[in-house]
Protein backbone atom coordinates (compact mmCIF):
# COMPACT_ATOMS: atom_id res chain seq x y z
CA MET A 1 140.01 186.17 51.73
CA GLY A 2 137.71 183.37 50.84
CA LEU A 3 136.04 181.49 53.06
CA PHE A 4 138.43 178.34 52.97
CA ALA A 5 141.49 179.94 52.40
CA GLU A 6 142.61 179.38 56.13
CA LEU A 7 141.77 176.25 55.46
CA LEU A 8 143.79 175.59 52.43
CA GLY A 9 147.03 177.78 53.28
CA ALA A 10 147.57 175.77 56.72
CA ALA A 11 146.67 173.01 55.79
CA ALA A 12 147.48 172.55 52.21
CA SER A 13 149.77 169.23 51.91
CA ALA A 14 147.48 167.44 54.63
CA ILE A 15 144.29 168.43 52.75
CA ARG A 16 145.86 167.36 49.74
CA THR A 17 146.05 163.84 51.14
CA ILE A 18 142.32 163.50 50.90
CA ILE A 19 142.53 162.82 47.22
CA ASP A 20 145.12 160.39 47.40
CA VAL A 21 147.72 161.77 45.89
CA ALA A 22 150.35 163.09 48.36
CA ALA A 23 152.05 161.15 50.82
CA ASP A 24 152.75 162.86 54.58
CA VAL A 25 152.78 161.16 58.03
CA ALA A 26 149.26 159.96 58.79
CA SER A 27 149.19 161.36 62.07
CA THR A 28 150.82 164.62 61.23
CA ALA A 29 148.04 165.03 58.31
CA ILE A 30 145.31 164.32 60.59
CA ARG A 31 146.11 166.92 63.33
CA VAL A 32 146.76 169.35 61.00
CA VAL A 33 143.08 169.01 59.57
CA ARG A 34 141.59 168.88 62.48
CA ALA A 35 143.09 171.89 64.26
CA GLU A 36 142.31 173.86 61.32
CA TYR A 37 138.87 172.41 60.72
CA GLY A 38 138.06 173.02 63.98
CA LYS A 39 138.85 176.64 64.02
CA LEU A 40 137.03 177.22 60.71
CA LYS A 41 134.15 175.14 62.27
CA VAL A 42 133.61 177.56 65.42
CA LYS A 43 134.65 181.19 62.78
CA TYR A 44 132.25 179.97 60.10
CA GLY A 45 129.79 177.64 62.40
CA ASN A 46 126.62 179.70 61.13
CA ILE A 47 127.22 178.90 56.99
CA ASP A 48 125.61 175.55 55.49
CA ILE A 49 128.33 174.35 53.25
CA ASP A 50 125.79 172.26 51.39
CA GLN A 51 123.93 175.02 50.71
CA ARG A 52 126.66 177.19 49.46
CA LYS A 53 127.55 174.66 47.51
CA LYS A 54 124.62 174.05 45.88
CA ASP A 55 124.70 177.68 45.09
CA ARG A 56 128.30 177.81 43.47
CA PHE A 57 126.78 174.78 40.99
CA ASP A 58 123.76 176.87 40.53
CA GLN A 59 126.17 179.96 39.67
CA LEU A 60 128.44 177.78 37.28
CA LYS A 61 125.32 176.64 35.36
CA GLU A 62 124.32 180.14 34.79
CA VAL A 63 128.22 181.49 33.91
CA ASN A 64 128.57 178.39 31.29
CA ASP A 65 124.90 179.29 29.60
CA GLN A 66 126.04 182.80 28.81
CA ILE A 67 129.41 181.44 27.59
CA ILE A 68 128.13 178.73 25.35
CA GLU A 69 125.69 181.07 23.69
CA LEU A 70 129.01 183.29 22.99
CA GLU A 71 131.26 180.56 21.78
CA ARG A 72 128.06 179.13 19.32
CA ALA A 73 127.55 182.69 17.69
CA VAL A 74 131.77 182.72 16.88
CA ARG A 75 130.90 178.68 15.56
CA ARG A 76 128.23 179.45 13.46
CA GLY A 77 130.82 182.27 12.17
CA ASP A 78 129.62 186.00 13.86
CA SER A 79 132.59 188.17 14.58
CA LEU A 80 132.19 189.63 18.31
CA GLY A 81 132.42 192.86 19.37
CA PRO A 82 134.64 194.11 21.69
CA ASP A 83 131.84 194.52 24.21
CA ASP A 84 131.07 190.48 24.00
CA LYS A 85 135.02 189.67 23.58
CA GLU A 86 135.69 191.54 26.92
CA ARG A 87 132.28 189.69 28.20
CA LEU A 88 133.37 186.24 27.50
CA ASP A 89 136.75 186.84 28.97
CA HIS A 90 135.09 188.03 31.84
CA LEU A 91 133.27 184.55 32.12
CA TYR A 92 136.02 181.99 31.55
CA LYS A 93 137.87 184.09 34.77
CA LEU A 94 134.14 183.61 36.70
CA ARG A 95 133.99 180.45 35.57
CA GLN A 96 137.44 179.43 36.81
CA LYS A 97 136.96 181.13 40.02
CA LEU A 98 133.60 179.04 41.05
CA ARG A 99 135.31 175.92 40.18
CA GLY A 100 137.97 176.58 42.71
CA LYS A 101 135.55 178.00 45.22
CA ILE A 102 133.43 174.23 44.22
CA ASP A 103 136.95 172.37 44.96
CA ALA A 104 137.09 174.18 48.03
CA ALA A 105 133.72 173.72 49.37
CA LYS A 106 134.26 169.42 48.52
CA GLU A 107 137.94 169.85 50.31
CA PHE A 108 136.30 171.17 53.17
CA GLU A 109 133.63 168.59 53.22
CA VAL A 110 136.34 165.93 53.43
CA ALA A 111 138.38 167.54 55.97
CA LYS A 112 135.26 167.41 57.86
CA ASP A 113 135.09 163.71 57.25
CA ILE A 114 139.09 163.19 58.41
CA ALA A 115 138.67 165.87 61.70
CA GLU A 116 135.56 163.09 62.55
CA ARG A 117 136.92 159.45 61.41
CA GLY A 118 140.63 160.16 61.90
CA ASP A 119 140.84 156.95 63.14
CA GLU A 120 139.76 155.37 59.62
CA TYR A 121 142.78 157.22 57.38
CA GLY A 122 146.51 156.61 57.77
CA GLU A 123 149.39 156.01 55.25
CA LYS A 124 148.97 153.01 52.28
CA SER A 125 151.46 151.98 49.76
CA VAL A 126 150.26 151.24 45.90
CA ASP A 127 151.18 147.84 44.39
CA PRO A 128 152.65 148.73 41.32
CA GLN A 129 151.52 145.76 39.42
CA ASN A 130 148.01 146.25 40.78
CA PRO A 131 147.57 149.94 41.30
CA ASN A 132 144.12 149.61 42.47
CA GLU A 133 144.07 152.65 44.81
CA LEU A 134 145.04 154.85 41.86
CA THR A 135 143.26 153.53 39.33
CA ARG A 136 140.00 153.67 41.28
CA LEU A 137 140.56 157.54 41.12
CA GLY A 138 140.45 157.46 37.17
CA GLY A 139 138.13 160.01 35.47
CA GLN A 140 137.63 162.03 38.62
CA VAL A 141 139.42 165.49 38.61
CA ILE A 142 142.62 165.70 41.02
CA MET A 143 142.04 168.65 43.46
CA GLY A 144 145.68 168.91 44.43
CA LYS A 145 147.36 167.71 41.11
CA LEU A 146 147.55 170.93 39.07
CA CYS A 147 149.47 170.86 35.78
CA PRO A 148 152.81 172.82 36.02
CA VAL A 149 152.20 174.35 32.59
CA CYS A 150 148.55 175.71 32.71
CA ASN A 151 147.96 175.12 36.52
CA ARG A 152 144.28 173.27 36.17
CA PRO A 153 143.67 169.86 37.51
CA MET A 154 145.49 167.40 36.15
CA SER A 155 143.91 163.40 35.91
CA ILE A 156 144.96 159.69 36.10
CA ARG A 157 144.34 158.17 32.85
CA TRP A 158 145.33 155.07 31.28
CA LYS A 159 144.92 153.26 27.30
CA THR A 160 141.11 152.50 26.97
CA ILE A 161 142.45 149.32 25.37
CA ILE A 162 144.31 148.48 29.00
CA ARG A 163 141.89 146.59 31.08
CA GLU A 164 144.58 145.56 33.87
CA PRO A 165 146.90 148.16 34.07
CA ASN A 166 149.99 148.32 36.03
CA ILE A 167 151.74 151.38 37.34
CA THR A 168 153.78 152.48 34.24
CA ASP A 169 150.65 152.15 32.36
CA LEU A 170 149.13 155.07 34.68
CA PHE A 171 149.86 158.73 33.89
CA TRP A 172 148.75 162.30 34.80
CA GLY A 173 146.77 164.39 31.86
CA CYS A 174 146.12 167.84 31.83
CA THR A 175 142.62 168.30 31.89
CA GLY A 176 143.57 171.10 29.57
CA LEU A 177 143.44 168.34 27.23
CA PHE A 178 139.56 168.67 27.11
CA PHE A 179 139.59 172.46 26.91
CA LYS A 180 139.12 173.25 23.08
CA PRO A 181 137.59 177.04 22.72
CA ASN A 182 139.69 177.38 19.15
CA GLY A 183 139.51 173.67 18.60
CA ILE A 184 142.72 172.97 19.64
CA SER A 185 142.90 171.72 23.17
CA SER A 186 144.94 174.50 25.78
CA CYS A 187 147.15 172.12 27.03
CA LYS A 188 148.68 168.64 26.44
CA HIS A 189 150.83 168.39 29.60
CA THR A 190 151.55 164.50 30.78
CA GLU A 191 153.63 163.20 33.48
CA SER A 192 154.79 159.91 34.68
CA PHE A 193 153.90 158.77 37.63
CA SER A 194 156.47 159.10 41.01
CA ASP A 195 157.65 157.03 43.44
CA CYS A 196 155.96 160.01 45.87
CA ASP A 197 152.55 158.48 43.69
CA LEU A 198 153.09 155.27 45.34
CA LYS A 199 152.77 156.47 48.99
CA LEU A 200 149.03 157.59 49.85
CA PHE A 201 147.27 158.73 52.71
CA GLY A 202 143.24 158.25 52.18
CA GLN A 203 140.71 155.82 54.11
CA LEU A 204 142.12 152.66 55.17
CA ASP A 205 139.19 150.47 54.84
CA ARG A 206 138.55 149.62 51.26
CA PRO A 207 137.38 146.54 50.74
CA GLY A 208 138.65 144.04 47.78
CA MET A 209 141.42 147.06 47.15
CA GLU A 210 143.88 144.84 48.18
CA LEU A 211 143.49 141.94 45.48
CA PRO A 212 145.00 141.60 42.10
CA THR A 213 143.38 143.87 39.71
CA LYS A 214 142.72 140.84 37.30
CA LYS A 215 140.93 139.02 40.00
CA LEU A 216 138.75 141.68 40.97
CA HIS A 217 138.17 141.69 36.84
CA ASN A 218 136.98 138.11 37.35
CA ILE A 219 134.94 138.79 40.75
CA VAL A 220 132.93 141.83 38.91
CA LEU A 221 132.39 139.68 35.04
CA LYS A 222 131.00 136.88 36.88
CA ARG A 223 127.45 137.05 35.98
CA PRO A 224 125.87 137.29 39.65
CA THR A 225 128.21 139.56 40.92
CA SER A 226 127.29 142.00 37.39
CA GLN A 227 123.53 141.46 37.87
CA HIS A 228 124.34 142.74 41.46
CA ILE A 229 126.02 145.42 40.88
CA LYS A 230 123.13 146.48 38.14
CA ASP A 231 120.77 146.39 40.72
CA LYS A 232 122.54 148.77 43.39
CA LEU A 233 123.12 151.33 40.09
CA SER A 234 119.75 150.79 38.80
CA ASN A 235 118.18 154.30 40.38
CA ALA A 236 121.52 156.26 39.95
CA VAL A 237 121.14 155.76 36.31
CA ASN A 238 120.82 159.15 34.93
CA GLU A 239 121.77 160.75 37.96
CA VAL A 240 124.52 163.37 38.68
CA THR A 241 127.38 163.51 41.09
CA ASP A 242 129.70 165.78 42.05
CA HIS A 243 132.31 163.49 42.19
CA TYR A 244 132.47 163.56 38.67
CA LEU A 245 132.71 166.64 37.34
CA CYS A 246 133.36 167.77 33.74
CA PRO A 247 136.71 168.77 32.99
CA VAL A 248 135.67 171.67 30.45
CA HIS A 249 132.46 173.14 32.47
CA HIS A 250 133.21 171.80 35.78
CA GLU A 251 129.45 170.84 36.09
CA LYS A 252 128.76 167.34 37.92
CA MET A 253 128.56 164.22 35.23
CA THR A 254 125.09 162.09 34.57
CA LEU A 255 125.53 158.29 35.05
CA ILE A 256 124.55 156.47 31.70
CA THR A 257 124.92 153.14 30.06
CA GLU A 258 126.31 152.33 26.84
CA PRO A 259 124.60 150.79 24.17
CA ASN A 260 126.77 148.63 22.90
CA ALA A 261 128.32 147.38 26.00
CA VAL A 262 129.44 143.70 26.02
CA ASP A 263 129.99 143.16 29.95
CA ILE A 264 129.70 144.79 33.19
CA LEU A 265 132.99 146.70 32.59
CA THR A 266 131.72 148.49 29.51
CA LEU A 267 128.23 148.73 30.49
CA TYR A 268 128.56 152.72 32.68
CA SER A 269 129.47 156.21 31.60
CA LEU A 270 129.36 159.41 33.18
CA LYS A 271 128.59 161.85 30.74
CA CYS A 272 128.58 165.97 30.80
CA ALA A 273 125.11 167.23 29.56
CA ARG A 274 126.70 170.21 28.13
CA CYS A 275 129.36 168.60 25.89
CA ALA A 276 130.47 165.37 24.59
CA GLN A 277 133.26 164.86 27.46
CA LYS A 278 132.62 161.00 28.63
CA VAL A 279 134.50 159.26 31.56
CA ARG A 280 134.07 155.55 30.85
CA ILE A 281 134.12 152.93 33.46
CA LYS A 282 136.31 150.05 32.40
CA SER A 283 137.76 148.60 35.50
CA ALA A 284 136.23 147.24 38.72
CA THR A 285 138.14 150.21 40.89
CA GLN A 286 136.42 152.25 39.37
CA LEU A 287 133.08 150.73 39.46
CA ASP A 288 134.01 150.35 43.25
CA ALA A 289 134.12 154.14 43.23
CA VAL A 290 131.14 155.08 41.42
CA LEU A 291 128.76 152.49 43.83
CA GLU A 292 130.64 154.81 46.64
CA ALA A 293 129.40 157.93 45.06
CA PHE A 294 126.09 156.80 44.27
CA ASN A 295 124.84 154.21 46.93
CA GLY A 296 127.59 155.04 49.88
CA GLN A 297 129.30 151.82 49.52
CA GLY A 298 131.22 150.59 47.20
CA LEU A 299 131.98 147.04 45.65
CA PHE A 300 132.32 144.70 48.70
CA LYS A 301 129.86 146.55 51.49
CA GLY A 302 126.10 146.46 51.13
């Protein structure tokens, strides 16, 4: 049994609410998380969770190094022998295992936050015309939402050309779309949003998320606001965050600026150092999430 198995087993439905994708009665979710987190805090009190997560990311990097070396040999036309094929299969499984451990550590961290600051969490409903709480999570791997076809994490998506999406523009997409070991996507499964997806449990204090999407965009596109955002993110460019993980390699993604940006909503992306995977920050709500990831405060805080 893994370090976090008890937490994820006993409070799975409550823990999934930390990433705002599953509805639950707020008081029940907080009570369950507090109870289970309290037990694990006593049982594993001598373990440094931050260090454990760092170690997992370091191990993941080493595994990806080995996988990439073997994959490059295949692309060069080299034929892998039985031992190398077995090794590559083992490395793929090890990467998936490490991904699960990293996700569990991240869930544990947020469970800690819920346990200690439960009064800041509660139930919320998404406005179908302005689904800001959902678009805010665009590009992030959703730990509590797994593809029913391949069991990989799913992410919230909408077409890049749509700047102000409503709920009908959003869909769940399997991250297997980006995993192409043979040049073909491993999974292309998508799902429409359900009524259940519009009932969330998460942090209540997210200033600005109650505004219409169009108004949010008008605010961030104003020159003074855009410059303020650039100033706040100036030290974050070329830095990594575990709020955004590559869907293929599961390593932290790096905040970059796009050379041909025309405004603040085309300026930033997060990129994997290993491959061409990018998350384009194309909405005011995503800017809010990026600011919080790197500075600890969103658009309307600080």
